[in-house]
């Protein structure tokens, strides 16, 4: 069973979720100190519908650089996530062939149910 979590240790929400979820047996990837690799990102993309679904549109840089007004392509989303760790929507939990992206209550509840 493959279990991974990608998170940011300076993010209060990530820390709270990591306390809520039993991460025993998970490989932990702190994305600021260990940048996400293209292979890891491509694996995430293979488990979801788009790079855009992995992209954090709440990132300060996204707002500051008015990226909402740009017509970003899938390739743009991929490259931006690889360039800047804050652009990965987090946390990302991967359990076998299932992916749980972001910190919504519904998403975290689905993860907990799946891990039971």
PDB file of N, CA and C in Angstrom:
ATOM      1  N   UNK A   1       0.844  -1.188   0.000  1.00  0.00           N
ATOM      2  CA  UNK A   1       0.000   0.000   0.000  1.00  0.00           C
ATOM      3  C   UNK A   1       0.882   1.242   0.000  1.00  0.00           C
ATOM      4  N   UNK A   2       0.664   2.075  -0.983  1.00  0.00           N
ATOM      5  CA  UNK A   2       1.437   3.301  -1.099  1.00  0.00           C
ATOM      6  C   UNK A   2       0.678   4.452  -0.452  1.00  0.00           C
ATOM      7  N   UNK A   3       1.340   5.134   0.485  1.00  0.00           N
ATOM      8  CA  UNK A   3       0.700   6.258   1.169  1.00  0.00           C
ATOM      9  C   UNK A   3       1.676   7.424   1.217  1.00  0.00           C
ATOM     10  N   UNK A   4       1.237   8.552   0.699  1.00  0.00           N
ATOM     11  CA  UNK A   4       2.087   9.748   0.707  1.00  0.00           C
ATOM     12  C   UNK A   4       1.245  10.951   1.096  1.00  0.00           C
ATOM     13  N   UNK A   5       1.903  11.922   1.711  1.00  0.00           N
ATOM     14  CA  UNK A   5       1.254  13.204   1.971  1.00  0.00           C
ATOM     15  C   UNK A   5       2.250  14.314   1.656  1.00  0.00           C
ATOM     16  N   UNK A   6       1.765  15.312   0.936  1.00  0.00           N
ATOM     17  CA  UNK A   6       2.561  16.487   0.570  1.00  0.00           C
ATOM     18  C   UNK A   6       1.951  17.656   1.337  1.00  0.00           C
ATOM     19  N   UNK A   7       2.773  18.347   2.111  1.00  0.00           N
ATOM     20  CA  UNK A   7       2.253  19.395   2.998  1.00  0.00           C
ATOM     21  C   UNK A   7       3.304  20.477   3.189  1.00  0.00           C
ATOM     22  N   UNK A   8       2.898  21.534   3.881  1.00  0.00           N
ATOM     23  CA  UNK A   8       3.789  22.637   4.202  1.00  0.00           C
ATOM     24  C   UNK A   8       3.820  22.771   5.716  1.00  0.00           C
ATOM     25  N   UNK A   9       5.014  22.649   6.315  1.00  0.00           N
ATOM     26  CA  UNK A   9       5.085  22.649   7.783  1.00  0.00           C
ATOM     27  C   UNK A   9       4.762  24.010   8.399  1.00  0.00           C
ATOM     28  N   UNK A  10       4.843  25.079   7.614  1.00  0.00           N
ATOM     29  CA  UNK A  10       4.530  26.409   8.138  1.00  0.00           C
ATOM     30  C   UNK A  10       3.042  26.734   8.002  1.00  0.00           C
ATOM     31  N   UNK A  11       2.282  25.829   7.439  1.00  0.00           N
ATOM     32  CA  UNK A  11       0.849  26.053   7.209  1.00  0.00           C
ATOM     33  C   UNK A  11       0.051  25.490   8.389  1.00  0.00           C
ATOM     34  N   UNK A  12      -0.648  26.359   9.116  1.00  0.00           N
ATOM     35  CA  UNK A  12      -1.431  25.931  10.281  1.00  0.00           C
ATOM     36  C   UNK A  12      -2.479  24.895   9.901  1.00  0.00           C
ATOM     37  N   UNK A  13      -3.125  25.090   8.765  1.00  0.00           N
ATOM     38  CA  UNK A  13      -4.165  24.153   8.326  1.00  0.00           C
ATOM     39  C   UNK A  13      -3.570  22.772   8.072  1.00  0.00           C
ATOM     40  N   UNK A  14      -2.421  22.719   7.401  1.00  0.00           N
ATOM     41  CA  UNK A  14      -1.754  21.431   7.154  1.00  0.00           C
ATOM     42  C   UNK A  14      -1.409  20.749   8.476  1.00  0.00           C
ATOM     43  N   UNK A  15      -0.865  21.516   9.421  1.00  0.00           N
ATOM     44  CA  UNK A  15      -0.482  20.941  10.713  1.00  0.00           C
ATOM     45  C   UNK A  15      -1.707  20.385  11.436  1.00  0.00           C
ATOM     46  N   UNK A  16      -2.812  21.121  11.410  1.00  0.00           N
ATOM     47  CA  UNK A  16      -4.041  20.660  12.076  1.00  0.00           C
ATOM     48  C   UNK A  16      -4.527  19.360  11.436  1.00  0.00           C
ATOM     49  N   UNK A  17      -4.538  19.308  10.113  1.00  0.00           N
ATOM     50  CA  UNK A  17      -5.019  18.117   9.406  1.00  0.00           C
ATOM     51  C   UNK A  17      -4.102  16.923   9.679  1.00  0.00           C
ATOM     52  N   UNK A  18      -2.798  17.147   9.720  1.00  0.00           N
ATOM     53  CA  UNK A  18      -1.862  16.049   9.999  1.00  0.00           C
ATOM     54  C   UNK A  18      -2.073  15.497  11.407  1.00  0.00           C
ATOM     55  N   UNK A  19      -2.567  16.323  12.328  1.00  0.00           N
ATOM     56  CA  UNK A  19      -2.882  15.832  13.678  1.00  0.00           C
ATOM     57  C   UNK A  19      -4.189  15.030  13.661  1.00  0.00           C
ATOM     58  N   UNK A  20      -5.126  15.452  12.821  1.00  0.00           N
ATOM     59  CA  UNK A  20      -6.445  14.801  12.744  1.00  0.00           C
ATOM     60  C   UNK A  20      -6.379  13.434  12.067  1.00  0.00           C
ATOM     61  N   UNK A  21      -5.509  13.312  11.076  1.00  0.00           N
ATOM     62  CA  UNK A  21      -5.445  12.103  10.263  1.00  0.00           C
ATOM     63  C   UNK A  21      -4.303  11.220  10.752  1.00  0.00           C
ATOM     64  N   UNK A  22      -4.554   9.939  10.857  1.00  0.00           N
ATOM     65  CA  UNK A  22      -3.499   9.009  11.265  1.00  0.00           C
ATOM     66  C   UNK A  22      -2.532   8.831  10.093  1.00  0.00           C
ATOM     67  N   UNK A  23      -1.336   9.394  10.209  1.00  0.00           N
ATOM     68  CA  UNK A  23      -0.364   9.336   9.110  1.00  0.00           C
ATOM     69  C   UNK A  23       0.654   8.213   9.295  1.00  0.00           C
ATOM     70  N   UNK A  24       0.346   7.266  10.174  1.00  0.00           N
ATOM     71  CA  UNK A  24       1.220   6.110  10.351  1.00  0.00           C
ATOM     72  C   UNK A  24       1.358   5.391   9.014  1.00  0.00           C
ATOM     73  N   UNK A  25       2.595   5.133   8.613  1.00  0.00           N
ATOM     74  CA  UNK A  25       2.826   4.426   7.357  1.00  0.00           C
ATOM     75  C   UNK A  25       2.851   5.331   6.137  1.00  0.00           C
ATOM     76  N   UNK A  26       2.635   6.630   6.333  1.00  0.00           N
ATOM     77  CA  UNK A  26       2.689   7.579   5.224  1.00  0.00           C
ATOM     78  C   UNK A  26       4.115   8.070   5.020  1.00  0.00           C
ATOM     79  N   UNK A  27       4.494   8.268   3.772  1.00  0.00           N
ATOM     80  CA  UNK A  27       5.730   8.990   3.453  1.00  0.00           C
ATOM     81  C   UNK A  27       5.359  10.457   3.490  1.00  0.00           C
ATOM     82  N   UNK A  28       6.074  11.247   4.289  1.00  0.00           N
ATOM     83  CA  UNK A  28       5.768  12.672   4.412  1.00  0.00           C
ATOM     84  C   UNK A  28       6.724  13.489   3.550  1.00  0.00           C
ATOM     85  N   UNK A  29       6.149  14.375   2.745  1.00  0.00           N
ATOM     86  CA  UNK A  29       6.956  15.250   1.895  1.00  0.00           C
ATOM     87  C   UNK A  29       6.639  16.689   2.258  1.00  0.00           C
ATOM     88  N   UNK A  30       7.623  17.374   2.851  1.00  0.00           N
ATOM     89  CA  UNK A  30       7.468  18.779   3.206  1.00  0.00           C
ATOM     90  C   UNK A  30       7.914  19.570   1.976  1.00  0.00           C
ATOM     91  N   UNK A  31       6.965  20.209   1.289  1.00  0.00           N
ATOM     92  CA  UNK A  31       7.236  20.738  -0.051  1.00  0.00           C
ATOM     93  C   UNK A  31       8.114  21.982  -0.112  1.00  0.00           C
ATOM     94  N   UNK A  32       8.325  22.641   1.020  1.00  0.00           N
ATOM     95  CA  UNK A  32       9.231  23.793   0.990  1.00  0.00           C
ATOM     96  C   UNK A  32      10.684  23.322   1.062  1.00  0.00           C
ATOM     97  N   UNK A  33      10.968  22.390   1.960  1.00  0.00           N
ATOM     98  CA  UNK A  33      12.349  21.914   2.116  1.00  0.00           C
ATOM     99  C   UNK A  33      12.722  20.880   1.052  1.00  0.00           C
ATOM    100  N   UNK A  34      11.729  20.156   0.536  1.00  0.00           N
ATOM    101  CA  UNK A  34      11.965  19.160  -0.509  1.00  0.00           C
ATOM    102  C   UNK A  34      10.999  19.432  -1.653  1.00  0.00           C
ATOM    103  N   UNK A  35      11.411  20.253  -2.606  1.00  0.00           N
ATOM    104  CA  UNK A  35      10.498  20.614  -3.697  1.00  0.00           C
ATOM    105  C   UNK A  35       9.935  19.389  -4.419  1.00  0.00           C
ATOM    106  N   UNK A  36       8.698  19.528  -4.837  1.00  0.00           N
ATOM    107  CA  UNK A  36       8.022  18.452  -5.542  1.00  0.00           C
ATOM    108  C   UNK A  36       8.725  18.197  -6.880  1.00  0.00           C
ATOM    109  N   UNK A  37       8.861  16.938  -7.234  1.00  0.00           N
ATOM    110  CA  UNK A  37       9.531  16.598  -8.492  1.00  0.00           C
ATOM    111  C   UNK A  37       8.491  16.498  -9.610  1.00  0.00           C
ATOM    112  N   UNK A  38       8.963  16.563 -10.828  1.00  0.00           N
ATOM    113  CA  UNK A  38       8.057  16.445 -11.971  1.00  0.00           C
ATOM    114  C   UNK A  38       7.374  15.077 -11.960  1.00  0.00           C
ATOM    115  N   UNK A  39       8.116  14.034 -11.598  1.00  0.00           N
ATOM    116  CA  UNK A  39       7.542  12.683 -11.540  1.00  0.00           C
ATOM    117  C   UNK A  39       6.430  12.611 -10.490  1.00  0.00           C
ATOM    118  N   UNK A  40       6.652  13.221  -9.324  1.00  0.00           N
ATOM    119  CA  UNK A  40       5.623  13.228  -8.282  1.00  0.00           C
ATOM    120  C   UNK A  40       4.379  13.973  -8.761  1.00  0.00           C
ATOM    121  N   UNK A  41       4.598  15.105  -9.410  1.00  0.00           N
ATOM    122  CA  UNK A  41       3.481  15.904  -9.906  1.00  0.00           C
ATOM    123  C   UNK A  41       2.720  15.152 -10.999  1.00  0.00           C
ATOM    124  N   UNK A  42       3.455  14.483 -11.887  1.00  0.00           N
ATOM    125  CA  UNK A  42       2.800  13.716 -12.948  1.00  0.00           C
ATOM    126  C   UNK A  42       2.004  12.552 -12.367  1.00  0.00           C
ATOM    127  N   UNK A  43       2.506  11.952 -11.295  1.00  0.00           N
ATOM    128  CA  UNK A  43       1.757  10.891 -10.619  1.00  0.00           C
ATOM    129  C   UNK A  43       0.452  11.450 -10.046  1.00  0.00           C
ATOM    130  N   UNK A  44       0.533  12.620  -9.393  1.00  0.00           N
ATOM    131  CA  UNK A  44      -0.682  13.250  -8.858  1.00  0.00           C
ATOM    132  C   UNK A  44      -1.669  13.521  -9.989  1.00  0.00           C
ATOM    133  N   UNK A  45      -1.138  14.055 -11.087  1.00  0.00           N
ATOM    134  CA  UNK A  45      -1.991  14.393 -12.231  1.00  0.00           C
ATOM    135  C   UNK A  45      -2.677  13.148 -12.787  1.00  0.00           C
ATOM    136  N   UNK A  46      -2.000  12.006 -12.751  1.00  0.00           N
ATOM    137  CA  UNK A  46      -2.595  10.776 -13.274  1.00  0.00           C
ATOM    138  C   UNK A  46      -3.778  10.308 -12.412  1.00  0.00           C
ATOM    139  N   UNK A  47      -3.871  10.817 -11.174  1.00  0.00           N
ATOM    140  CA  UNK A  47      -4.933  10.406 -10.257  1.00  0.00           C
ATOM    141  C   UNK A  47      -6.096  11.397 -10.208  1.00  0.00           C
ATOM    142  N   UNK A  48      -5.966  12.510 -10.919  1.00  0.00           N
ATOM    143  CA  UNK A  48      -7.014  13.532 -10.926  1.00  0.00           C
ATOM    144  C   UNK A  48      -7.260  14.001 -12.355  1.00  0.00           C
ATOM    145  N   UNK A  49      -8.163  14.945 -12.516  1.00  0.00           N
ATOM    146  CA  UNK A  49      -8.578  15.320 -13.868  1.00  0.00           C
ATOM    147  C   UNK A  49      -7.714  16.381 -14.552  1.00  0.00           C
ATOM    148  N   UNK A  50      -6.911  17.122 -13.786  1.00  0.00           N
ATOM    149  CA  UNK A  50      -6.124  18.193 -14.409  1.00  0.00           C
ATOM    150  C   UNK A  50      -5.053  18.709 -13.452  1.00  0.00           C
ATOM    151  N   UNK A  51      -4.073  19.425 -14.017  1.00  0.00           N
ATOM    152  CA  UNK A  51      -3.095  20.115 -13.165  1.00  0.00           C
ATOM    153  C   UNK A  51      -3.796  21.254 -12.433  1.00  0.00           C
ATOM    154  N   UNK A  52      -4.797  21.819 -13.079  1.00  0.00           N
ATOM    155  CA  UNK A  52      -5.525  22.927 -12.457  1.00  0.00           C
ATOM    156  C   UNK A  52      -6.162  22.494 -11.134  1.00  0.00           C
ATOM    157  N   UNK A  53      -6.617  21.252 -11.047  1.00  0.00           N
ATOM    158  CA  UNK A  53      -7.232  20.776  -9.800  1.00  0.00           C
ATOM    159  C   UNK A  53      -6.208  20.665  -8.664  1.00  0.00           C
ATOM    160  N   UNK A  54      -4.926  20.646  -9.010  1.00  0.00           N
ATOM    161  CA  UNK A  54      -3.849  20.597  -8.014  1.00  0.00           C
ATOM    162  C   UNK A  54      -3.325  21.991  -7.673  1.00  0.00           C
ATOM    163  N   UNK A  55      -3.830  22.994  -8.366  1.00  0.00           N
ATOM    164  CA  UNK A  55      -3.295  24.355  -8.275  1.00  0.00           C
ATOM    165  C   UNK A  55      -4.016  25.159  -7.199  1.00  0.00           C
ATOM    166  N   UNK A  56      -3.243  25.848  -6.375  1.00  0.00           N
ATOM    167  CA  UNK A  56      -3.771  26.659  -5.285  1.00  0.00           C
ATOM    168  C   UNK A  56      -4.044  28.082  -5.779  1.00  0.00           C
ATOM    169  N   UNK A  57      -5.303  28.370  -6.038  1.00  0.00           N
ATOM    170  CA  UNK A  57      -5.657  29.714  -6.522  1.00  0.00           C
ATOM    171  C   UNK A  57      -5.786  30.721  -5.389  1.00  0.00           C
ATOM    172  N   UNK A  58      -5.524  30.282  -4.172  1.00  0.00           N
ATOM    173  CA  UNK A  58      -5.523  31.208  -3.029  1.00  0.00           C
ATOM    174  C   UNK A  58      -4.112  31.705  -2.718  1.00  0.00           C
ATOM    175  N   UNK A  59      -3.133  31.217  -3.452  1.00  0.00           N
ATOM    176  CA  UNK A  59      -1.739  31.631  -3.201  1.00  0.00           C
ATOM    177  C   UNK A  59      -1.606  33.138  -3.401  1.00  0.00           C
ATOM    178  N   UNK A  60      -0.847  33.766  -2.509  1.00  0.00           N
ATOM    179  CA  UNK A  60      -0.658  35.222  -2.587  1.00  0.00           C
ATOM    180  C   UNK A  60      -0.089  35.638  -3.935  1.00  0.00           C
ATOM    181  N   UNK A  61       0.849  34.861  -4.434  1.00  0.00           N
ATOM    182  CA  UNK A  61       1.501  35.188  -5.707  1.00  0.00           C
ATOM    183  C   UNK A  61       0.504  35.130  -6.876  1.00  0.00           C
ATOM    184  N   UNK A  62      -0.463  34.223  -6.798  1.00  0.00           N
ATOM    185  CA  UNK A  62      -1.493  34.091  -7.835  1.00  0.00           C
ATOM    186  C   UNK A  62      -2.297  35.388  -7.924  1.00  0.00           C
ATOM    187  N   UNK A  63      -2.674  35.916  -6.750  1.00  0.00           N
ATOM    188  CA  UNK A  63      -3.446  37.154  -6.690  1.00  0.00           C
ATOM    189  C   UNK A  63      -2.564  38.345  -7.071  1.00  0.00           C
ATOM    190  N   UNK A  64      -1.371  38.404  -6.489  1.00  0.00           N
ATOM    191  CA  UNK A  64      -0.467  39.536  -6.711  1.00  0.00           C
ATOM    192  C   UNK A  64      -0.102  39.707  -8.185  1.00  0.00           C
ATOM    193  N   UNK A  65       0.087  38.592  -8.870  1.00  0.00           N
ATOM    194  CA  UNK A  65       0.491  38.675 -10.280  1.00  0.00           C
ATOM    195  C   UNK A  65      -0.702  38.621 -11.229  1.00  0.00           C
ATOM    196  N   UNK A  66      -1.897  38.788 -10.661  1.00  0.00           N
ATOM    197  CA  UNK A  66      -3.131  38.836 -11.458  1.00  0.00           C
ATOM    198  C   UNK A  66      -3.245  37.674 -12.446  1.00  0.00           C
ATOM    199  N   UNK A  67      -2.908  36.484 -11.969  1.00  0.00           N
ATOM    200  CA  UNK A  67      -2.931  35.314 -12.849  1.00  0.00           C
ATOM    201  C   UNK A  67      -4.345  34.920 -13.262  1.00  0.00           C
ATOM    202  N   UNK A  68      -5.324  35.332 -12.460  1.00  0.00           N
ATOM    203  CA  UNK A  68      -6.710  35.009 -12.789  1.00  0.00           C
ATOM    204  C   UNK A  68      -7.085  35.604 -14.152  1.00  0.00           C
ATOM    205  N   UNK A  69      -6.477  36.740 -14.461  1.00  0.00           N
ATOM    206  CA  UNK A  69      -6.785  37.433 -15.720  1.00  0.00           C
ATOM    207  C   UNK A  69      -6.020  36.844 -16.910  1.00  0.00           C
ATOM    208  N   UNK A  70      -5.063  35.969 -16.624  1.00  0.00           N
ATOM    209  CA  UNK A  70      -4.304  35.338 -17.705  1.00  0.00           C
ATOM    210  C   UNK A  70      -5.004  34.047 -18.091  1.00  0.00           C
ATOM    211  N   UNK A  71      -4.853  33.660 -19.337  1.00  0.00           N
ATOM    212  CA  UNK A  71      -5.452  32.400 -19.768  1.00  0.00           C
ATOM    213  C   UNK A  71      -4.446  31.281 -19.556  1.00  0.00           C
ATOM    214  N   UNK A  72      -4.400  30.742 -18.342  1.00  0.00           N
ATOM    215  CA  UNK A  72      -3.400  29.723 -18.028  1.00  0.00           C
ATOM    216  C   UNK A  72      -3.802  28.370 -18.615  1.00  0.00           C
ATOM    217  N   UNK A  73      -2.829  27.697 -19.207  1.00  0.00           N
ATOM    218  CA  UNK A  73      -3.062  26.376 -19.792  1.00  0.00           C
ATOM    219  C   UNK A  73      -2.667  25.305 -18.776  1.00  0.00           C
ATOM    220  N   UNK A  74      -2.966  24.050 -19.090  1.00  0.00           N
ATOM    221  CA  UNK A  74      -2.550  22.938 -18.240  1.00  0.00           C
ATOM    222  C   UNK A  74      -1.029  22.947 -18.059  1.00  0.00           C
ATOM    223  N   UNK A  75      -0.311  23.225 -19.136  1.00  0.00           N
ATOM    224  CA  UNK A  75       1.157  23.277 -19.079  1.00  0.00           C
ATOM    225  C   UNK A  75       1.612  24.396 -18.130  1.00  0.00           C
ATOM    226  N   UNK A  76       0.904  25.542 -18.174  1.00  0.00           N
ATOM    227  CA  UNK A  76       1.230  26.658 -17.269  1.00  0.00           C
ATOM    228  C   UNK A  76       1.042  26.234 -15.817  1.00  0.00           C
ATOM    229  N   UNK A  77      -0.105  25.594 -15.527  1.00  0.00           N
ATOM    230  CA  UNK A  77      -0.361  25.157 -14.148  1.00  0.00           C
ATOM    231  C   UNK A  77       0.732  24.199 -13.684  1.00  0.00           C
ATOM    232  N   UNK A  78       1.092  23.261 -14.539  1.00  0.00           N
ATOM    233  CA  UNK A  78       2.135  22.283 -14.204  1.00  0.00           C
ATOM    234  C   UNK A  78       3.455  23.001 -13.893  1.00  0.00           C
ATOM    235  N   UNK A  79       3.883  23.886 -14.795  1.00  0.00           N
ATOM    236  CA  UNK A  79       5.164  24.585 -14.622  1.00  0.00           C
ATOM    237  C   UNK A  79       5.164  25.495 -13.401  1.00  0.00           C
ATOM    238  N   UNK A  80       4.054  26.163 -13.148  1.00  0.00           N
ATOM    239  CA  UNK A  80       3.973  27.048 -11.985  1.00  0.00           C
ATOM    240  C   UNK A  80       4.092  26.253 -10.683  1.00  0.00           C
ATOM    241  N   UNK A  81       3.433  25.094 -10.617  1.00  0.00           N
ATOM    242  CA  UNK A  81       3.532  24.255  -9.408  1.00  0.00           C
ATOM    243  C   UNK A  81       4.980  23.795  -9.207  1.00  0.00           C
ATOM    244  N   UNK A  82       5.647  23.434 -10.294  1.00  0.00           N
ATOM    245  CA  UNK A  82       7.037  22.979 -10.184  1.00  0.00           C
ATOM    246  C   UNK A  82       7.976  24.118  -9.789  1.00  0.00           C
ATOM    247  N   UNK A  83       7.663  25.338 -10.214  1.00  0.00           N
ATOM    248  CA  UNK A  83       8.526  26.496  -9.911  1.00  0.00           C
ATOM    249  C   UNK A  83       8.330  27.008  -8.491  1.00  0.00           C
ATOM    250  N   UNK A  84       7.110  26.955  -7.987  1.00  0.00           N
ATOM    251  CA  UNK A  84       6.766  27.632  -6.742  1.00  0.00           C
ATOM    252  C   UNK A  84       5.900  26.725  -5.866  1.00  0.00           C
ATOM    253  N   UNK A  85       6.461  26.268  -4.733  1.00  0.00           N
ATOM    254  CA  UNK A  85       5.750  25.307  -3.873  1.00  0.00           C
ATOM    255  C   UNK A  85       4.399  25.808  -3.386  1.00  0.00           C
ATOM    256  N   UNK A  86       4.231  27.127  -3.234  1.00  0.00           N
ATOM    257  CA  UNK A  86       2.954  27.636  -2.711  1.00  0.00           C
ATOM    258  C   UNK A  86       1.805  27.424  -3.690  1.00  0.00           C
ATOM    259  N   UNK A  87       2.119  27.085  -4.936  1.00  0.00           N
ATOM    260  CA  UNK A  87       1.055  26.878  -5.915  1.00  0.00           C
ATOM    261  C   UNK A  87       0.432  25.478  -5.843  1.00  0.00           C
ATOM    262  N   UNK A  88       1.002  24.581  -5.050  1.00  0.00           N
ATOM    263  CA  UNK A  88       0.375  23.265  -4.891  1.00  0.00           C
ATOM    264  C   UNK A  88      -0.725  23.384  -3.837  1.00  0.00           C
ATOM    265  N   UNK A  89      -1.939  23.006  -4.219  1.00  0.00           N
ATOM    266  CA  UNK A  89      -3.048  23.000  -3.261  1.00  0.00           C
ATOM    267  C   UNK A  89      -2.717  21.932  -2.228  1.00  0.00           C
ATOM    268  N   UNK A  90      -2.818  22.268  -0.951  1.00  0.00           N
ATOM    269  CA  UNK A  90      -2.354  21.324   0.050  1.00  0.00           C
ATOM    270  C   UNK A  90      -3.315  21.207   1.224  1.00  0.00           C
ATOM    271  N   UNK A  91      -3.154  20.149   1.983  1.00  0.00           N
ATOM    272  CA  UNK A  91      -2.252  19.028   1.729  1.00  0.00           C
ATOM    273  C   UNK A  91      -2.780  18.131   0.609  1.00  0.00           C
ATOM    274  N   UNK A  92      -1.884  17.321   0.053  1.00  0.00           N
ATOM    275  CA  UNK A  92      -2.271  16.305  -0.923  1.00  0.00           C
ATOM    276  C   UNK A  92      -1.957  14.950  -0.291  1.00  0.00           C
ATOM    277  N   UNK A  93      -2.983  14.137  -0.148  1.00  0.00           N
ATOM    278  CA  UNK A  93      -2.817  12.776   0.351  1.00  0.00           C
ATOM    279  C   UNK A  93      -3.003  11.822  -0.812  1.00  0.00           C
ATOM    280  N   UNK A  94      -2.080  10.879  -0.948  1.00  0.00           N
ATOM    281  CA  UNK A  94      -2.222   9.826  -1.948  1.00  0.00           C
ATOM    282  C   UNK A  94      -2.234   8.498  -1.199  1.00  0.00           C
ATOM    283  N   UNK A  95      -3.294   7.745  -1.414  1.00  0.00           N
ATOM    284  CA  UNK A  95      -3.412   6.419  -0.796  1.00  0.00           C
ATOM    285  C   UNK A  95      -3.713   5.462  -1.940  1.00  0.00           C
ATOM    286  N   UNK A  96      -2.744   4.615  -2.259  1.00  0.00           N
ATOM    287  CA  UNK A  96      -2.844   3.718  -3.413  1.00  0.00           C
ATOM    288  C   UNK A  96      -3.155   4.528  -4.671  1.00  0.00           C
ATOM    289  N   UNK A  97      -4.328   4.290  -5.274  1.00  0.00           N
ATOM    290  CA  UNK A  97      -4.657   5.009  -6.504  1.00  0.00           C
ATOM    291  C   UNK A  97      -5.704   6.093  -6.269  1.00  0.00           C
ATOM    292  N   UNK A  98      -5.859   6.518  -5.009  1.00  0.00           N
ATOM    293  CA  UNK A  98      -6.804   7.588  -4.667  1.00  0.00           C
ATOM    294  C   UNK A  98      -6.019   8.825  -4.252  1.00  0.00           C
ATOM    295  N   UNK A  99      -6.554   9.991  -4.632  1.00  0.00           N
ATOM    296  CA  UNK A  99      -5.906  11.247  -4.265  1.00  0.00           C
ATOM    297  C   UNK A  99      -6.920  12.142  -3.570  1.00  0.00           C
ATOM    298  N   UNK A 100      -6.460  12.818  -2.522  1.00  0.00           N
ATOM    299  CA  UNK A 100      -7.294  13.740  -1.759  1.00  0.00           C
ATOM    300  C   UNK A 100      -6.550  15.078  -1.756  1.00  0.00           C
ATOM    301  N   UNK A 101      -7.130  16.064  -2.437  1.00  0.00           N
ATOM    302  CA  UNK A 101      -6.437  17.332  -2.664  1.00  0.00           C
ATOM    303  C   UNK A 101      -7.101  18.453  -1.868  1.00  0.00           C
ATOM    304  N   UNK A 102      -6.292  19.148  -1.079  1.00  0.00           N
ATOM    305  CA  UNK A 102      -6.779  20.335  -0.392  1.00  0.00           C
ATOM    306  C   UNK A 102      -7.338  20.067   0.984  1.00  0.00           C
ATOM    307  N   UNK A 103      -7.829  21.151   1.605  1.00  0.00           N
ATOM    308  CA  UNK A 103      -8.171  21.088   3.022  1.00  0.00           C
ATOM    309  C   UNK A 103      -9.656  21.233   3.303  1.00  0.00           C
ATOM    310  N   UNK A 104     -10.502  21.045   2.300  1.00  0.00           N
ATOM    311  CA  UNK A 104     -11.941  21.179   2.573  1.00  0.00           C
ATOM    312  C   UNK A 104     -12.370  20.092   3.556  1.00  0.00           C
ATOM    313  N   UNK A 105     -13.326  20.432   4.393  1.00  0.00           N
ATOM    314  CA  UNK A 105     -13.824  19.501   5.412  1.00  0.00           C
ATOM    315  C   UNK A 105     -14.325  18.219   4.741  1.00  0.00           C
ATOM    316  N   UNK A 106     -15.045  18.365   3.642  1.00  0.00           N
ATOM    317  CA  UNK A 106     -15.596  17.218   2.913  1.00  0.00           C
ATOM    318  C   UNK A 106     -14.464  16.290   2.435  1.00  0.00           C
ATOM    319  N   UNK A 107     -13.408  16.891   1.914  1.00  0.00           N
ATOM    320  CA  UNK A 107     -12.265  16.130   1.410  1.00  0.00           C
ATOM    321  C   UNK A 107     -11.561  15.365   2.537  1.00  0.00           C
ATOM    322  N   UNK A 108     -11.349  16.020   3.668  1.00  0.00           N
ATOM    323  CA  UNK A 108     -10.655  15.393   4.791  1.00  0.00           C
ATOM    324  C   UNK A 108     -11.521  14.275   5.394  1.00  0.00           C
ATOM    325  N   UNK A 109     -12.834  14.485   5.454  1.00  0.00           N
ATOM    326  CA  UNK A 109     -13.745  13.436   5.945  1.00  0.00           C
ATOM    327  C   UNK A 109     -13.694  12.219   5.008  1.00  0.00           C
ATOM    328  N   UNK A 110     -13.672  12.473   3.702  1.00  0.00           N
ATOM    329  CA  UNK A 110     -13.585  11.372   2.719  1.00  0.00           C
ATOM    330  C   UNK A 110     -12.289  10.592   2.908  1.00  0.00           C
ATOM    331  N   UNK A 111     -11.191  11.317   3.165  1.00  0.00           N
ATOM    332  CA  UNK A 111      -9.895  10.672   3.417  1.00  0.00           C
ATOM    333  C   UNK A 111      -9.970   9.790   4.660  1.00  0.00           C
ATOM    334  N   UNK A 112     -10.511  10.344   5.753  1.00  0.00           N
ATOM    335  CA  UNK A 112     -10.611   9.581   7.005  1.00  0.00           C
ATOM    336  C   UNK A 112     -11.457   8.333   6.799  1.00  0.00           C
ATOM    337  N   UNK A 113     -12.577   8.473   6.093  1.00  0.00           N
ATOM    338  CA  UNK A 113     -13.440   7.309   5.823  1.00  0.00           C
ATOM    339  C   UNK A 113     -12.686   6.254   5.012  1.00  0.00           C
ATOM    340  N   UNK A 114     -11.921   6.725   4.028  1.00  0.00           N
ATOM    341  CA  UNK A 114     -11.176   5.803   3.168  1.00  0.00           C
ATOM    342  C   UNK A 114     -10.110   5.046   3.971  1.00  0.00           C
ATOM    343  N   UNK A 115      -9.529   5.693   4.956  1.00  0.00           N
ATOM    344  CA  UNK A 115      -8.452   5.078   5.744  1.00  0.00           C
ATOM    345  C   UNK A 115      -8.958   4.109   6.817  1.00  0.00           C
ATOM    346  N   UNK A 116     -10.242   4.122   7.085  1.00  0.00           N
ATOM    347  CA  UNK A 116     -10.798   3.243   8.132  1.00  0.00           C
ATOM    348  C   UNK A 116     -10.620   1.784   7.799  1.00  0.00           C
TER     349      UNK A 116
END
